[in-house]
């Protein structure tokens, strides 16, 4: 996945999170549904940002950014259980 694809994915996840919060405010989803999906979105965002950081670090070190790999959520620094 290229940087621009990762950034597009991040934008889509953020937009979904905003839409979900609007739907909660409009009474279209329950608080429990909103909370569950927001947690999933946060995990996906953490993984995207981690992959983007890896790619940028590899590029900065003169390495191939395409060798960066998505890591399991438990290995992503910003993930908190």
C-alpha atoms as a PDB file:
ATOM      1  CA  UNK A   1       0.000   0.000   0.000  1.00  0.00           C
ATOM      2  CA  UNK A   2       1.400   3.372  -1.038  1.00  0.00           C
ATOM      3  CA  UNK A   3       1.446   6.455   1.209  1.00  0.00           C
ATOM      4  CA  UNK A   4      -1.374   8.128  -0.695  1.00  0.00           C
ATOM      5  CA  UNK A   5      -3.518   4.999  -0.336  1.00  0.00           C
ATOM      6  CA  UNK A   6      -2.877   4.920   3.399  1.00  0.00           C
ATOM      7  CA  UNK A   7      -3.770   8.602   3.712  1.00  0.00           C
ATOM      8  CA  UNK A   8      -6.955   8.018   1.711  1.00  0.00           C
ATOM      9  CA  UNK A   9      -7.848   5.153   4.045  1.00  0.00           C
ATOM     10  CA  UNK A  10      -7.176   7.354   7.090  1.00  0.00           C
ATOM     11  CA  UNK A  11      -9.436  10.068   5.672  1.00  0.00           C
ATOM     12  CA  UNK A  12     -12.209   7.538   5.041  1.00  0.00           C
ATOM     13  CA  UNK A  13     -11.946   6.156   8.580  1.00  0.00           C
ATOM     14  CA  UNK A  14     -12.055   9.643  10.100  1.00  0.00           C
ATOM     15  CA  UNK A  15     -15.056  10.548   7.927  1.00  0.00           C
ATOM     16  CA  UNK A  16     -16.837   7.393   9.059  1.00  0.00           C
ATOM     17  CA  UNK A  17     -16.129   8.249  12.679  1.00  0.00           C
ATOM     18  CA  UNK A  18     -17.593  11.746  12.222  1.00  0.00           C
ATOM     19  CA  UNK A  19     -20.635  10.342  10.427  1.00  0.00           C
ATOM     20  CA  UNK A  20     -21.146   7.796  13.182  1.00  0.00           C
ATOM     21  CA  UNK A  21     -21.080  10.520  15.831  1.00  0.00           C
ATOM     22  CA  UNK A  22     -23.611  12.524  13.810  1.00  0.00           C
ATOM     23  CA  UNK A  23     -25.842   9.461  13.545  1.00  0.00           C
ATOM     24  CA  UNK A  24     -25.595   8.986  17.307  1.00  0.00           C
ATOM     25  CA  UNK A  25     -26.647  12.595  17.830  1.00  0.00           C
ATOM     26  CA  UNK A  26     -29.594  12.066  15.494  1.00  0.00           C
ATOM     27  CA  UNK A  27     -30.646   8.920  17.371  1.00  0.00           C
ATOM     28  CA  UNK A  28     -29.971   6.663  14.374  1.00  0.00           C
ATOM     29  CA  UNK A  29     -27.594   4.386  16.310  1.00  0.00           C
ATOM     30  CA  UNK A  30     -27.323   3.460  19.944  1.00  0.00           C
ATOM     31  CA  UNK A  31     -24.477   4.508  22.169  1.00  0.00           C
ATOM     32  CA  UNK A  32     -23.355   0.881  22.372  1.00  0.00           C
ATOM     33  CA  UNK A  33     -23.292   0.544  18.572  1.00  0.00           C
ATOM     34  CA  UNK A  34     -21.388   3.802  18.243  1.00  0.00           C
ATOM     35  CA  UNK A  35     -18.855   2.851  20.924  1.00  0.00           C
ATOM     36  CA  UNK A  36     -18.210  -0.579  19.402  1.00  0.00           C
ATOM     37  CA  UNK A  37     -17.636   0.824  15.915  1.00  0.00           C
ATOM     38  CA  UNK A  38     -15.508   3.724  17.175  1.00  0.00           C
ATOM     39  CA  UNK A  39     -13.212   1.214  18.885  1.00  0.00           C
ATOM     40  CA  UNK A  40     -12.847  -0.669  15.598  1.00  0.00           C
ATOM     41  CA  UNK A  41     -12.135   2.567  13.766  1.00  0.00           C
ATOM     42  CA  UNK A  42      -9.510   3.582  16.330  1.00  0.00           C
ATOM     43  CA  UNK A  43      -7.720   0.264  15.886  1.00  0.00           C
ATOM     44  CA  UNK A  44      -7.760   0.608  12.106  1.00  0.00           C
ATOM     45  CA  UNK A  45      -6.484   4.197  12.369  1.00  0.00           C
ATOM     46  CA  UNK A  46      -3.666   3.162  14.700  1.00  0.00           C
ATOM     47  CA  UNK A  47      -2.615   0.483  12.229  1.00  0.00           C
ATOM     48  CA  UNK A  48      -2.720   2.889   9.280  1.00  0.00           C
ATOM     49  CA  UNK A  49      -0.668   5.543  11.084  1.00  0.00           C
ATOM     50  CA  UNK A  50       1.821   2.882  12.179  1.00  0.00           C
ATOM     51  CA  UNK A  51       2.257   1.641   8.618  1.00  0.00           C
ATOM     52  CA  UNK A  52       2.676   5.192   7.347  1.00  0.00           C
ATOM     53  CA  UNK A  53       5.328   5.906  10.039  1.00  0.00           C
ATOM     54  CA  UNK A  54       7.173   2.732   9.080  1.00  0.00           C
ATOM     55  CA  UNK A  55       7.153   3.681   5.397  1.00  0.00           C
ATOM     56  CA  UNK A  56       8.406   7.188   6.131  1.00  0.00           C
ATOM     57  CA  UNK A  57      11.132   5.887   8.437  1.00  0.00           C
ATOM     58  CA  UNK A  58      12.312   3.396   5.835  1.00  0.00           C
ATOM     59  CA  UNK A  59      12.340   6.078   3.171  1.00  0.00           C
ATOM     60  CA  UNK A  60      14.283   8.399   5.491  1.00  0.00           C
ATOM     61  CA  UNK A  61      16.838   5.678   6.140  1.00  0.00           C
ATOM     62  CA  UNK A  62      17.303   5.054   2.422  1.00  0.00           C
ATOM     63  CA  UNK A  63      15.430   1.757   2.573  1.00  0.00           C
ATOM     64  CA  UNK A  64      12.539   0.515   0.471  1.00  0.00           C
ATOM     65  CA  UNK A  65       9.262   1.780   1.997  1.00  0.00           C
ATOM     66  CA  UNK A  66       7.396  -1.061   0.273  1.00  0.00           C
ATOM     67  CA  UNK A  67       9.035  -3.468   2.695  1.00  0.00           C
ATOM     68  CA  UNK A  68       7.064  -1.939   5.578  1.00  0.00           C
ATOM     69  CA  UNK A  69       4.332  -4.271   6.755  1.00  0.00           C
ATOM     70  CA  UNK A  70       1.128  -3.821   8.659  1.00  0.00           C
ATOM     71  CA  UNK A  71       1.576  -5.149  12.161  1.00  0.00           C
ATOM     72  CA  UNK A  72      -0.956  -6.890  14.379  1.00  0.00           C
ATOM     73  CA  UNK A  73      -2.801  -4.421  16.545  1.00  0.00           C
ATOM     74  CA  UNK A  74      -1.109  -5.758  19.688  1.00  0.00           C
ATOM     75  CA  UNK A  75       2.267  -4.629  18.301  1.00  0.00           C
ATOM     76  CA  UNK A  76       1.221  -1.101  17.365  1.00  0.00           C
ATOM     77  CA  UNK A  77       2.683   1.406  19.854  1.00  0.00           C
ATOM     78  CA  UNK A  78      -0.417   3.584  20.195  1.00  0.00           C
ATOM     79  CA  UNK A  79      -2.767   0.651  20.797  1.00  0.00           C
ATOM     80  CA  UNK A  80      -4.035   0.389  24.351  1.00  0.00           C
ATOM     81  CA  UNK A  81      -6.081  -2.525  25.642  1.00  0.00           C
END
